């Protein structure tokens, strides 16, 4: 596994069936456009060994009983992440009110998956601790939805003085106008905004250089 201190960390937000499939309970209006970009980002993570911190919405059945069109209810197919967003070496971290989670979790696994019950990912204490204290050169954010969870997550990261990039054409939204306003707000706050193509091109070159240096060191030692 890569050294998280020296590498970017991907933050994958709510890439779940209810939000990204046409038959989902509440698909993003641009879901068809962003799914190919999400696949490219996950493929980059697989190829380059990029650590991935994932959060998913998880609503308890009792909390949504009687509500119209509930989304991401625990135990339903719609709550599941899309298959391509799951990496082989992953761990599911149980959600509770305890801060007990190792900051080295992404040294042991390539992907850590945590649940949240509210729009703001920082309402999960374990996720809050990882986002606040976990080492990482930069946090690269994508997923659903731009105008709610991603906006709150990005503002929270910047408030904690963490370097953050939003891959905006890999972010789903339910309201295009609100999504555009969220991007303007993040840009005004100093957030870096990149397209998938821009991020993949820059990171692929960085990863190739790192791989060549690592191979050269191994040959030198041999």
C-alpha atoms as a PDB file:
ATOM      1  CA  UNK A   1       0.000   0.000   0.000  1.00  0.00           C
ATOM      2  CA  UNK A   2       1.183   3.531  -0.750  1.00  0.00           C
ATOM      3  CA  UNK A   3       2.334   5.887   1.971  1.00  0.00           C
ATOM      4  CA  UNK A   4      -0.786   7.988   2.588  1.00  0.00           C
ATOM      5  CA  UNK A   5       1.303  10.867   3.925  1.00  0.00           C
ATOM      6  CA  UNK A   6       2.873  11.365   0.511  1.00  0.00           C
ATOM      7  CA  UNK A   7      -0.120  10.688  -1.715  1.00  0.00           C
ATOM      8  CA  UNK A   8      -3.565  11.991  -2.536  1.00  0.00           C
ATOM      9  CA  UNK A   9      -6.618  10.413  -0.896  1.00  0.00           C
ATOM     10  CA  UNK A  10      -9.773   9.977  -2.949  1.00  0.00           C
ATOM     11  CA  UNK A  11     -12.991  10.779  -1.061  1.00  0.00           C
ATOM     12  CA  UNK A  12     -15.867   8.921  -2.707  1.00  0.00           C
ATOM     13  CA  UNK A  13     -19.235  10.308  -1.588  1.00  0.00           C
ATOM     14  CA  UNK A  14     -22.472   8.295  -1.813  1.00  0.00           C
ATOM     15  CA  UNK A  15     -21.853   6.514  -5.123  1.00  0.00           C
ATOM     16  CA  UNK A  16     -24.913   4.365  -4.469  1.00  0.00           C
ATOM     17  CA  UNK A  17     -27.569   2.720  -6.612  1.00  0.00           C
ATOM     18  CA  UNK A  18     -30.413   4.955  -5.417  1.00  0.00           C
ATOM     19  CA  UNK A  19     -28.482   8.027  -6.579  1.00  0.00           C
ATOM     20  CA  UNK A  20     -26.804   6.816  -9.758  1.00  0.00           C
ATOM     21  CA  UNK A  21     -29.111   4.316 -11.447  1.00  0.00           C
ATOM     22  CA  UNK A  22     -32.140   5.362 -13.492  1.00  0.00           C
ATOM     23  CA  UNK A  23     -34.322   3.010 -11.433  1.00  0.00           C
ATOM     24  CA  UNK A  24     -32.970   4.375  -8.144  1.00  0.00           C
ATOM     25  CA  UNK A  25     -35.159   6.136  -5.598  1.00  0.00           C
ATOM     26  CA  UNK A  26     -33.594   9.550  -6.313  1.00  0.00           C
ATOM     27  CA  UNK A  27     -31.111   9.497  -9.187  1.00  0.00           C
ATOM     28  CA  UNK A  28     -28.997  12.566  -9.827  1.00  0.00           C
ATOM     29  CA  UNK A  29     -30.238  14.410 -12.903  1.00  0.00           C
ATOM     30  CA  UNK A  30     -26.762  14.087 -14.469  1.00  0.00           C
ATOM     31  CA  UNK A  31     -26.117  10.504 -13.340  1.00  0.00           C
ATOM     32  CA  UNK A  32     -25.700   9.153 -16.881  1.00  0.00           C
ATOM     33  CA  UNK A  33     -23.035  11.784 -17.599  1.00  0.00           C
ATOM     34  CA  UNK A  34     -20.963  11.277 -14.445  1.00  0.00           C
ATOM     35  CA  UNK A  35     -20.906   7.457 -14.201  1.00  0.00           C
ATOM     36  CA  UNK A  36     -18.211   7.114 -16.933  1.00  0.00           C
ATOM     37  CA  UNK A  37     -16.084   9.691 -15.087  1.00  0.00           C
ATOM     38  CA  UNK A  38     -16.552   7.860 -11.806  1.00  0.00           C
ATOM     39  CA  UNK A  39     -15.373   4.672 -13.517  1.00  0.00           C
ATOM     40  CA  UNK A  40     -12.242   6.464 -14.755  1.00  0.00           C
ATOM     41  CA  UNK A  41     -11.435   7.744 -11.273  1.00  0.00           C
ATOM     42  CA  UNK A  42     -11.893   4.343  -9.650  1.00  0.00           C
ATOM     43  CA  UNK A  43      -9.818   2.735 -12.407  1.00  0.00           C
ATOM     44  CA  UNK A  44      -7.057   5.259 -11.680  1.00  0.00           C
ATOM     45  CA  UNK A  45      -7.233   4.369  -7.987  1.00  0.00           C
ATOM     46  CA  UNK A  46      -6.975   0.650  -8.790  1.00  0.00           C
ATOM     47  CA  UNK A  47      -4.045   1.137 -11.167  1.00  0.00           C
ATOM     48  CA  UNK A  48      -2.114   3.557  -8.979  1.00  0.00           C
ATOM     49  CA  UNK A  49      -2.947   2.141  -5.556  1.00  0.00           C
ATOM     50  CA  UNK A  50      -4.565   5.437  -4.546  1.00  0.00           C
ATOM     51  CA  UNK A  51      -6.193   5.188  -1.081  1.00  0.00           C
ATOM     52  CA  UNK A  52      -9.967   5.736  -1.106  1.00  0.00           C
ATOM     53  CA  UNK A  53     -12.109   6.953   1.781  1.00  0.00           C
ATOM     54  CA  UNK A  54     -15.768   6.264   0.967  1.00  0.00           C
ATOM     55  CA  UNK A  55     -18.892   7.422   2.748  1.00  0.00           C
ATOM     56  CA  UNK A  56     -22.387   6.089   2.088  1.00  0.00           C
ATOM     57  CA  UNK A  57     -25.855   7.171   3.122  1.00  0.00           C
ATOM     58  CA  UNK A  58     -27.494   4.654   5.436  1.00  0.00           C
ATOM     59  CA  UNK A  59     -31.033   5.268   6.677  1.00  0.00           C
ATOM     60  CA  UNK A  60     -32.542   2.938   9.272  1.00  0.00           C
ATOM     61  CA  UNK A  61     -35.929   1.482   8.226  1.00  0.00           C
ATOM     62  CA  UNK A  62     -37.611   2.740  11.407  1.00  0.00           C
ATOM     63  CA  UNK A  63     -36.429   6.300  10.721  1.00  0.00           C
ATOM     64  CA  UNK A  64     -37.996   6.470   7.248  1.00  0.00           C
ATOM     65  CA  UNK A  65     -41.166   4.455   7.835  1.00  0.00           C
ATOM     66  CA  UNK A  66     -44.123   6.342   6.372  1.00  0.00           C
ATOM     67  CA  UNK A  67     -41.969   8.803   4.433  1.00  0.00           C
ATOM     68  CA  UNK A  68     -42.534   9.125   0.689  1.00  0.00           C
ATOM     69  CA  UNK A  69     -39.737   7.821  -1.530  1.00  0.00           C
ATOM     70  CA  UNK A  70     -37.110   6.944   1.114  1.00  0.00           C
ATOM     71  CA  UNK A  71     -33.553   6.591  -0.184  1.00  0.00           C
ATOM     72  CA  UNK A  72     -30.576   4.447   0.764  1.00  0.00           C
ATOM     73  CA  UNK A  73     -32.429   2.441   3.391  1.00  0.00           C
ATOM     74  CA  UNK A  74     -30.253  -0.176   5.074  1.00  0.00           C
ATOM     75  CA  UNK A  75     -30.943  -3.628   3.687  1.00  0.00           C
ATOM     76  CA  UNK A  76     -32.339  -2.433   0.336  1.00  0.00           C
ATOM     77  CA  UNK A  77     -30.580  -2.817  -3.034  1.00  0.00           C
ATOM     78  CA  UNK A  78     -30.650   0.959  -3.511  1.00  0.00           C
ATOM     79  CA  UNK A  79     -28.408   1.501  -0.483  1.00  0.00           C
ATOM     80  CA  UNK A  80     -25.582  -0.524  -2.035  1.00  0.00           C
ATOM     81  CA  UNK A  81     -22.601   1.091  -3.715  1.00  0.00           C
ATOM     82  CA  UNK A  82     -22.204   0.544  -7.424  1.00  0.00           C
ATOM     83  CA  UNK A  83     -20.078  -2.536  -7.973  1.00  0.00           C
ATOM     84  CA  UNK A  84     -17.234  -0.771  -9.766  1.00  0.00           C
ATOM     85  CA  UNK A  85     -16.717   1.581  -6.793  1.00  0.00           C
ATOM     86  CA  UNK A  86     -15.716  -1.306  -4.509  1.00  0.00           C
ATOM     87  CA  UNK A  87     -12.008  -2.121  -4.368  1.00  0.00           C
ATOM     88  CA  UNK A  88     -10.810  -5.647  -3.513  1.00  0.00           C
ATOM     89  CA  UNK A  89      -8.843  -4.610  -0.425  1.00  0.00           C
ATOM     90  CA  UNK A  90     -11.512  -2.769   1.549  1.00  0.00           C
ATOM     91  CA  UNK A  91     -12.896  -2.533   5.066  1.00  0.00           C
ATOM     92  CA  UNK A  92     -16.327  -1.479   6.342  1.00  0.00           C
ATOM     93  CA  UNK A  93     -16.076   0.611   9.502  1.00  0.00           C
ATOM     94  CA  UNK A  94     -19.144   0.394  11.727  1.00  0.00           C
ATOM     95  CA  UNK A  95     -20.944   3.615  12.544  1.00  0.00           C
ATOM     96  CA  UNK A  96     -21.351   4.578  16.206  1.00  0.00           C
ATOM     97  CA  UNK A  97     -20.640   7.511  18.500  1.00  0.00           C
ATOM     98  CA  UNK A  98     -17.096   6.325  19.235  1.00  0.00           C
ATOM     99  CA  UNK A  99     -13.974   8.011  17.850  1.00  0.00           C
ATOM    100  CA  UNK A 100     -12.059   4.729  17.954  1.00  0.00           C
ATOM    101  CA  UNK A 101     -10.712   4.319  14.432  1.00  0.00           C
ATOM    102  CA  UNK A 102      -7.080   3.943  13.384  1.00  0.00           C
ATOM    103  CA  UNK A 103      -5.608   6.830  11.413  1.00  0.00           C
ATOM    104  CA  UNK A 104      -3.539   4.179   9.630  1.00  0.00           C
ATOM    105  CA  UNK A 105      -6.599   2.380   8.222  1.00  0.00           C
ATOM    106  CA  UNK A 106      -5.628   3.307   4.660  1.00  0.00           C
ATOM    107  CA  UNK A 107      -2.171   1.894   5.232  1.00  0.00           C
ATOM    108  CA  UNK A 108      -3.792  -1.483   5.882  1.00  0.00           C
ATOM    109  CA  UNK A 109      -6.594  -1.320   3.292  1.00  0.00           C
ATOM    110  CA  UNK A 110      -6.917   0.564   0.020  1.00  0.00           C
ATOM    111  CA  UNK A 111     -10.549   1.506   0.718  1.00  0.00           C
ATOM    112  CA  UNK A 112     -12.384   2.310   3.944  1.00  0.00           C
ATOM    113  CA  UNK A 113     -16.191   2.632   3.825  1.00  0.00           C
ATOM    114  CA  UNK A 114     -18.119   4.554   6.488  1.00  0.00           C
ATOM    115  CA  UNK A 115     -21.817   5.344   6.773  1.00  0.00           C
ATOM    116  CA  UNK A 116     -23.588   8.604   7.504  1.00  0.00           C
ATOM    117  CA  UNK A 117     -27.210   9.327   8.378  1.00  0.00           C
ATOM    118  CA  UNK A 118     -27.254  13.038   7.552  1.00  0.00           C
ATOM    119  CA  UNK A 119     -26.175  15.250   4.662  1.00  0.00           C
ATOM    120  CA  UNK A 120     -23.033  16.370   6.483  1.00  0.00           C
ATOM    121  CA  UNK A 121     -20.369  13.606   6.487  1.00  0.00           C
ATOM    122  CA  UNK A 122     -18.774  15.148   9.568  1.00  0.00           C
ATOM    123  CA  UNK A 123     -21.773  14.012  11.647  1.00  0.00           C
ATOM    124  CA  UNK A 124     -20.126  10.570  11.735  1.00  0.00           C
ATOM    125  CA  UNK A 125     -17.471  10.956  14.487  1.00  0.00           C
ATOM    126  CA  UNK A 126     -15.165   8.356  12.951  1.00  0.00           C
ATOM    127  CA  UNK A 127     -15.345   9.936   9.525  1.00  0.00           C
ATOM    128  CA  UNK A 128     -14.812  13.334  11.133  1.00  0.00           C
ATOM    129  CA  UNK A 129     -11.651  12.083  12.820  1.00  0.00           C
ATOM    130  CA  UNK A 130     -10.264  10.558   9.625  1.00  0.00           C
ATOM    131  CA  UNK A 131     -11.001  13.653   7.546  1.00  0.00           C
ATOM    132  CA  UNK A 132      -9.551  15.928  10.232  1.00  0.00           C
ATOM    133  CA  UNK A 133      -6.455  14.006  11.329  1.00  0.00           C
ATOM    134  CA  UNK A 134      -5.608  11.364   8.720  1.00  0.00           C
ATOM    135  CA  UNK A 135      -2.447  12.206   6.774  1.00  0.00           C
ATOM    136  CA  UNK A 136      -2.757  12.902   3.081  1.00  0.00           C
ATOM    137  CA  UNK A 137      -1.179  15.247   0.566  1.00  0.00           C
ATOM    138  CA  UNK A 138      -4.543  16.235  -0.905  1.00  0.00           C
ATOM    139  CA  UNK A 139      -8.170  15.096  -0.655  1.00  0.00           C
ATOM    140  CA  UNK A 140      -9.834  14.557  -4.041  1.00  0.00           C
ATOM    141  CA  UNK A 141     -13.635  14.653  -3.723  1.00  0.00           C
ATOM    142  CA  UNK A 142     -16.335  13.286  -6.063  1.00  0.00           C
ATOM    143  CA  UNK A 143     -19.755  11.595  -5.899  1.00  0.00           C
ATOM    144  CA  UNK A 144     -23.269  12.718  -4.891  1.00  0.00           C
ATOM    145  CA  UNK A 145     -24.566  15.281  -4.312  1.00  0.00           C
ATOM    146  CA  UNK A 146     -22.748  18.453  -5.212  1.00  0.00           C
ATOM    147  CA  UNK A 147     -25.216  20.846  -3.608  1.00  0.00           C
ATOM    148  CA  UNK A 148     -25.415  19.035  -0.259  1.00  0.00           C
ATOM    149  CA  UNK A 149     -22.950  16.418   1.015  1.00  0.00           C
ATOM    150  CA  UNK A 150     -20.059  17.331  -1.289  1.00  0.00           C
ATOM    151  CA  UNK A 151     -20.410  21.052  -0.563  1.00  0.00           C
ATOM    152  CA  UNK A 152     -20.507  20.435   3.199  1.00  0.00           C
ATOM    153  CA  UNK A 153     -17.637  17.966   3.044  1.00  0.00           C
ATOM    154  CA  UNK A 154     -15.437  20.299   1.014  1.00  0.00           C
ATOM    155  CA  UNK A 155     -16.148  23.331   3.186  1.00  0.00           C
ATOM    156  CA  UNK A 156     -15.408  21.221   6.277  1.00  0.00           C
ATOM    157  CA  UNK A 157     -12.089  20.051   4.844  1.00  0.00           C
ATOM    158  CA  UNK A 158     -11.055  23.601   3.975  1.00  0.00           C
ATOM    159  CA  UNK A 159     -12.094  24.805   7.437  1.00  0.00           C
ATOM    160  CA  UNK A 160      -9.714  22.150   8.799  1.00  0.00           C
ATOM    161  CA  UNK A 161      -6.968  23.473   6.496  1.00  0.00           C
ATOM    162  CA  UNK A 162      -6.853  20.301   4.389  1.00  0.00           C
ATOM    163  CA  UNK A 163      -5.875  20.645   0.712  1.00  0.00           C
ATOM    164  CA  UNK A 164      -8.916  19.647  -1.345  1.00  0.00           C
ATOM    165  CA  UNK A 165      -9.833  19.244  -5.005  1.00  0.00           C
ATOM    166  CA  UNK A 166     -13.358  18.680  -6.323  1.00  0.00           C
ATOM    167  CA  UNK A 167     -13.665  16.730  -9.582  1.00  0.00           C
ATOM    168  CA  UNK A 168     -16.764  18.599 -10.678  1.00  0.00           C
ATOM    169  CA  UNK A 169     -17.727  16.537 -13.729  1.00  0.00           C
ATOM    170  CA  UNK A 170     -17.768  13.451 -11.486  1.00  0.00           C
ATOM    171  CA  UNK A 171     -20.257  15.043  -9.062  1.00  0.00           C
ATOM    172  CA  UNK A 172     -23.973  14.406  -9.259  1.00  0.00           C
ATOM    173  CA  UNK A 173     -26.631  16.971  -8.458  1.00  0.00           C
ATOM    174  CA  UNK A 174     -30.410  17.048  -8.115  1.00  0.00           C
ATOM    175  CA  UNK A 175     -30.738  20.725  -9.016  1.00  0.00           C
ATOM    176  CA  UNK A 176     -28.401  22.097 -11.674  1.00  0.00           C
ATOM    177  CA  UNK A 177     -28.763  25.688 -10.486  1.00  0.00           C
ATOM    178  CA  UNK A 178     -27.913  24.805  -6.901  1.00  0.00           C
ATOM    179  CA  UNK A 179     -25.035  22.656  -8.092  1.00  0.00           C
ATOM    180  CA  UNK A 180     -23.616  25.577 -10.070  1.00  0.00           C
ATOM    181  CA  UNK A 181     -23.989  27.861  -7.049  1.00  0.00           C
ATOM    182  CA  UNK A 182     -22.183  25.306  -4.873  1.00  0.00           C
ATOM    183  CA  UNK A 183     -19.251  25.224  -7.306  1.00  0.00           C
ATOM    184  CA  UNK A 184     -19.072  29.018  -7.337  1.00  0.00           C
ATOM    185  CA  UNK A 185     -19.055  29.082  -3.536  1.00  0.00           C
ATOM    186  CA  UNK A 186     -16.293  26.467  -3.330  1.00  0.00           C
ATOM    187  CA  UNK A 187     -14.205  28.254  -5.951  1.00  0.00           C
ATOM    188  CA  UNK A 188     -14.612  31.541  -4.092  1.00  0.00           C
ATOM    189  CA  UNK A 189     -13.379  29.831  -0.917  1.00  0.00           C
ATOM    190  CA  UNK A 190     -10.242  28.687  -2.729  1.00  0.00           C
ATOM    191  CA  UNK A 191     -11.151  25.106  -3.602  1.00  0.00           C
ATOM    192  CA  UNK A 192      -9.396  23.636  -6.638  1.00  0.00           C
ATOM    193  CA  UNK A 193     -11.876  22.503  -9.307  1.00  0.00           C
ATOM    194  CA  UNK A 194     -10.741  20.015 -11.952  1.00  0.00           C
ATOM    195  CA  UNK A 195     -12.329  17.860 -14.618  1.00  0.00           C
ATOM    196  CA  UNK A 196     -11.826  14.114 -14.599  1.00  0.00           C
ATOM    197  CA  UNK A 197      -9.554  14.345 -17.635  1.00  0.00           C
ATOM    198  CA  UNK A 198      -7.381  16.998 -15.983  1.00  0.00           C
ATOM    199  CA  UNK A 199      -7.041  15.037 -12.757  1.00  0.00           C
ATOM    200  CA  UNK A 200      -6.356  11.708 -14.467  1.00  0.00           C
ATOM    201  CA  UNK A 201      -3.706  13.238 -16.723  1.00  0.00           C
ATOM    202  CA  UNK A 202      -1.839  14.950 -13.876  1.00  0.00           C
ATOM    203  CA  UNK A 203      -2.067  12.044 -11.432  1.00  0.00           C
ATOM    204  CA  UNK A 204      -1.193   9.388 -14.000  1.00  0.00           C
ATOM    205  CA  UNK A 205       2.040  11.222 -14.766  1.00  0.00           C
ATOM    206  CA  UNK A 206       2.840  11.599 -11.059  1.00  0.00           C
ATOM    207  CA  UNK A 207       2.161   7.908 -10.442  1.00  0.00           C
ATOM    208  CA  UNK A 208       4.324   6.878 -13.412  1.00  0.00           C
ATOM    209  CA  UNK A 209       7.232   8.969 -12.108  1.00  0.00           C
ATOM    210  CA  UNK A 210       6.793   7.518  -8.630  1.00  0.00           C
ATOM    211  CA  UNK A 211       6.711   3.982 -10.036  1.00  0.00           C
ATOM    212  CA  UNK A 212       9.922   4.586 -12.026  1.00  0.00           C
ATOM    213  CA  UNK A 213      11.707   6.004  -8.965  1.00  0.00           C
ATOM    214  CA  UNK A 214      10.571   3.043  -6.880  1.00  0.00           C
ATOM    215  CA  UNK A 215      11.768   0.591  -9.538  1.00  0.00           C
ATOM    216  CA  UNK A 216      15.119   2.385  -9.824  1.00  0.00           C
ATOM    217  CA  UNK A 217      15.632   2.211  -6.045  1.00  0.00           C
ATOM    218  CA  UNK A 218      14.820  -1.505  -6.049  1.00  0.00           C
ATOM    219  CA  UNK A 219      17.349  -2.142  -8.849  1.00  0.00           C
ATOM    220  CA  UNK A 220      19.963  -0.041  -7.060  1.00  0.00           C
ATOM    221  CA  UNK A 221      19.509  -2.021  -3.850  1.00  0.00           C
ATOM    222  CA  UNK A 222      19.709  -5.288  -5.777  1.00  0.00           C
END
